[in-house]
Amino acid sequence: MNLNMAQEGIEYIIKQVETEDEELNSFLFSLGCYSGEPITVISHLKGGCVVSIKDGRYNIDSQLAAAIILCKENT
C-alpha cells in the first residue's frame, strides 16, 4: 500500500521509497522518510496529504505519496 491509501491517524512503517530520483531520495531522507521509520497520515488533502514523521509535519503531494510504500506497524 502507498501513502495515498493510508488511513488517517494510524501509524505505519515505511517499507520503501520507490523513486529513481536521487535528489528526491535525499530530500525525503532529510525529513526522516526512509525505510523502517514510522509515519502517520494526519489528513488527506485534494493534492496530497499531511503526514507526521518523527517530530515534524509535512505536506506531501499525491505523486510523491504514491512512491512511499507502507506496511502496518505490526507486520
N, C-alpha and C. Protein backbone atom coordinates (compact mmCIF):
# COMPACT_ATOMS: atom_id res chain seq x y z
N MET A 1 0.85 -1.17 0.00
CA MET A 1 0.00 0.00 0.00
C MET A 1 0.89 1.23 0.00
N ASN A 2 0.45 2.28 -0.69
CA ASN A 2 1.24 3.51 -0.67
C ASN A 2 0.59 4.54 0.25
N LEU A 3 1.25 5.66 0.42
CA LEU A 3 0.81 6.69 1.35
C LEU A 3 -0.56 7.25 1.00
N ASN A 4 -0.91 7.31 -0.27
CA ASN A 4 -2.23 7.81 -0.68
C ASN A 4 -3.37 6.95 -0.15
N MET A 5 -3.11 5.66 0.08
CA MET A 5 -4.15 4.73 0.53
C MET A 5 -4.21 4.59 2.05
N ALA A 6 -3.28 5.19 2.76
CA ALA A 6 -3.22 5.05 4.22
C ALA A 6 -4.40 5.74 4.90
N GLN A 7 -4.85 5.13 5.99
CA GLN A 7 -5.92 5.73 6.78
C GLN A 7 -5.34 6.79 7.70
N GLU A 8 -6.13 7.82 7.93
CA GLU A 8 -5.70 8.89 8.82
C GLU A 8 -5.61 8.39 10.26
N GLY A 9 -4.61 8.86 10.98
CA GLY A 9 -4.47 8.57 12.39
C GLY A 9 -3.86 7.22 12.75
N ILE A 10 -3.50 6.41 11.75
CA ILE A 10 -2.88 5.11 12.01
C ILE A 10 -1.40 5.20 11.69
N GLU A 11 -0.58 4.68 12.61
CA GLU A 11 0.87 4.70 12.38
C GLU A 11 1.26 3.52 11.50
N TYR A 12 2.01 3.82 10.46
CA TYR A 12 2.53 2.81 9.54
C TYR A 12 4.05 2.86 9.59
N ILE A 13 4.66 1.84 9.03
CA ILE A 13 6.12 1.80 8.88
C ILE A 13 6.43 1.95 7.39
N ILE A 14 7.39 2.81 7.07
CA ILE A 14 7.80 2.98 5.68
C ILE A 14 8.57 1.73 5.27
N LYS A 15 8.05 1.05 4.26
CA LYS A 15 8.68 -0.17 3.76
C LYS A 15 9.79 0.19 2.77
N GLN A 16 9.48 1.11 1.85
CA GLN A 16 10.47 1.57 0.87
C GLN A 16 9.97 2.82 0.18
N VAL A 17 10.89 3.51 -0.46
CA VAL A 17 10.55 4.67 -1.29
C VAL A 17 10.93 4.30 -2.72
N GLU A 18 9.94 4.24 -3.60
CA GLU A 18 10.16 3.81 -4.98
C GLU A 18 10.35 5.02 -5.89
N THR A 19 11.58 5.48 -5.96
CA THR A 19 11.92 6.56 -6.87
C THR A 19 13.37 6.40 -7.32
N GLU A 20 13.61 6.75 -8.56
CA GLU A 20 14.96 6.71 -9.11
C GLU A 20 15.67 8.05 -8.96
N ASP A 21 14.94 9.07 -8.50
CA ASP A 21 15.46 10.42 -8.36
C ASP A 21 16.28 10.53 -7.07
N GLU A 22 17.58 10.61 -7.19
CA GLU A 22 18.46 10.67 -6.02
C GLU A 22 18.25 11.94 -5.21
N GLU A 23 17.95 13.06 -5.88
CA GLU A 23 17.70 14.31 -5.17
C GLU A 23 16.44 14.18 -4.31
N LEU A 24 15.42 13.55 -4.85
CA LEU A 24 14.19 13.31 -4.11
C LEU A 24 14.43 12.37 -2.93
N ASN A 25 15.20 11.32 -3.15
CA ASN A 25 15.56 10.40 -2.07
C ASN A 25 16.30 11.14 -0.94
N SER A 26 17.22 12.00 -1.31
CA SER A 26 17.97 12.77 -0.31
C SER A 26 17.05 13.70 0.47
N PHE A 27 16.12 14.34 -0.23
CA PHE A 27 15.17 15.24 0.42
C PHE A 27 14.31 14.47 1.42
N LEU A 28 13.75 13.34 0.99
CA LEU A 28 12.92 12.53 1.88
C LEU A 28 13.73 12.02 3.08
N PHE A 29 14.96 11.61 2.83
CA PHE A 29 15.82 11.15 3.91
C PHE A 29 16.04 12.25 4.94
N SER A 30 16.21 13.50 4.47
CA SER A 30 16.42 14.62 5.39
C SER A 30 15.19 14.90 6.25
N LEU A 31 14.00 14.50 5.77
CA LEU A 31 12.77 14.64 6.55
C LEU A 31 12.60 13.49 7.54
N GLY A 32 13.38 12.44 7.36
CA GLY A 32 13.23 11.25 8.18
C GLY A 32 12.34 10.22 7.52
N CYS A 33 12.09 10.38 6.24
CA CYS A 33 11.21 9.50 5.48
C CYS A 33 12.07 8.46 4.75
N TYR A 34 12.34 7.34 5.44
CA TYR A 34 13.13 6.26 4.85
C TYR A 34 12.69 4.93 5.45
N SER A 35 13.11 3.88 4.86
CA SER A 35 12.71 2.52 5.24
C SER A 35 12.89 2.27 6.73
N GLY A 36 11.83 1.72 7.34
CA GLY A 36 11.87 1.38 8.76
C GLY A 36 11.34 2.44 9.70
N GLU A 37 11.12 3.64 9.21
CA GLU A 37 10.65 4.73 10.06
C GLU A 37 9.12 4.77 10.13
N PRO A 38 8.56 5.10 11.29
CA PRO A 38 7.11 5.25 11.41
C PRO A 38 6.62 6.54 10.75
N ILE A 39 5.41 6.49 10.20
CA ILE A 39 4.79 7.65 9.56
C ILE A 39 3.28 7.57 9.81
N THR A 40 2.66 8.70 10.06
CA THR A 40 1.22 8.77 10.30
C THR A 40 0.61 9.83 9.40
N VAL A 41 -0.49 9.48 8.71
CA VAL A 41 -1.22 10.47 7.91
C VAL A 41 -2.12 11.25 8.86
N ILE A 42 -1.93 12.56 8.90
CA ILE A 42 -2.75 13.43 9.74
C ILE A 42 -4.06 13.74 9.01
N SER A 43 -3.95 14.06 7.72
CA SER A 43 -5.15 14.32 6.92
C SER A 43 -4.84 14.18 5.43
N HIS A 44 -5.87 13.81 4.69
CA HIS A 44 -5.76 13.75 3.23
C HIS A 44 -6.30 15.07 2.67
N LEU A 45 -5.57 15.63 1.73
CA LEU A 45 -5.95 16.87 1.08
C LEU A 45 -6.21 16.60 -0.39
N LYS A 46 -6.74 17.59 -1.08
CA LYS A 46 -7.04 17.43 -2.51
C LYS A 46 -5.80 17.04 -3.31
N GLY A 47 -4.68 17.67 -3.05
CA GLY A 47 -3.48 17.41 -3.83
C GLY A 47 -2.47 16.50 -3.16
N GLY A 48 -2.82 15.88 -2.02
CA GLY A 48 -1.86 15.04 -1.32
C GLY A 48 -2.31 14.75 0.09
N CYS A 49 -1.35 14.84 1.02
CA CYS A 49 -1.70 14.57 2.42
C CYS A 49 -0.70 15.25 3.35
N VAL A 50 -1.13 15.41 4.60
CA VAL A 50 -0.27 15.93 5.65
C VAL A 50 0.14 14.73 6.49
N VAL A 51 1.45 14.59 6.70
CA VAL A 51 1.96 13.44 7.44
C VAL A 51 2.79 13.90 8.63
N SER A 52 2.89 13.02 9.60
CA SER A 52 3.76 13.23 10.75
C SER A 52 4.90 12.22 10.66
N ILE A 53 6.13 12.74 10.61
CA ILE A 53 7.33 11.92 10.59
C ILE A 53 8.23 12.46 11.68
N LYS A 54 8.61 11.57 12.59
CA LYS A 54 9.40 11.99 13.76
C LYS A 54 8.65 13.09 14.48
N ASP A 55 9.23 14.25 14.67
CA ASP A 55 8.55 15.34 15.38
C ASP A 55 8.03 16.42 14.45
N GLY A 56 7.99 16.16 13.13
CA GLY A 56 7.56 17.17 12.18
C GLY A 56 6.31 16.78 11.42
N ARG A 57 5.66 17.79 10.87
CA ARG A 57 4.51 17.58 10.00
C ARG A 57 4.84 18.15 8.63
N TYR A 58 4.51 17.38 7.59
CA TYR A 58 4.87 17.77 6.24
C TYR A 58 3.70 17.55 5.30
N ASN A 59 3.60 18.40 4.29
CA ASN A 59 2.60 18.24 3.24
C ASN A 59 3.28 17.52 2.08
N ILE A 60 2.78 16.33 1.74
CA ILE A 60 3.35 15.51 0.68
C ILE A 60 2.36 15.48 -0.48
N ASP A 61 2.80 15.83 -1.69
CA ASP A 61 1.87 15.79 -2.82
C ASP A 61 1.54 14.35 -3.21
N SER A 62 0.45 14.17 -3.94
CA SER A 62 -0.04 12.82 -4.23
C SER A 62 0.92 12.01 -5.08
N GLN A 63 1.67 12.63 -5.98
CA GLN A 63 2.63 11.91 -6.81
C GLN A 63 3.76 11.34 -5.95
N LEU A 64 4.26 12.14 -5.03
CA LEU A 64 5.30 11.68 -4.13
C LEU A 64 4.75 10.64 -3.15
N ALA A 65 3.53 10.85 -2.68
CA ALA A 65 2.90 9.91 -1.75
C ALA A 65 2.76 8.53 -2.38
N ALA A 66 2.53 8.48 -3.69
CA ALA A 66 2.40 7.20 -4.39
C ALA A 66 3.71 6.42 -4.39
N ALA A 67 4.83 7.10 -4.23
CA ALA A 67 6.13 6.44 -4.24
C ALA A 67 6.55 5.93 -2.86
N ILE A 68 5.81 6.32 -1.82
CA ILE A 68 6.15 5.91 -0.45
C ILE A 68 5.31 4.69 -0.11
N ILE A 69 5.96 3.53 -0.03
CA ILE A 69 5.29 2.25 0.21
C ILE A 69 5.31 1.96 1.71
N LEU A 70 4.15 1.56 2.24
CA LEU A 70 3.99 1.36 3.67
C LEU A 70 3.61 -0.07 4.02
N CYS A 71 3.82 -0.41 5.27
CA CYS A 71 3.26 -1.64 5.83
C CYS A 71 2.74 -1.28 7.22
N LYS A 72 1.78 -2.06 7.71
CA LYS A 72 1.26 -1.80 9.05
C LYS A 72 2.35 -2.07 10.06
N GLU A 73 2.26 -1.39 11.19
CA GLU A 73 3.30 -1.47 12.21
C GLU A 73 3.53 -2.88 12.72
N ASN A 74 2.48 -3.68 12.84
CA ASN A 74 2.62 -5.00 13.44
C ASN A 74 3.00 -6.10 12.43
N THR A 75 3.34 -5.74 11.18
CA THR A 75 3.70 -6.77 10.19
C THR A 75 5.16 -6.71 9.85
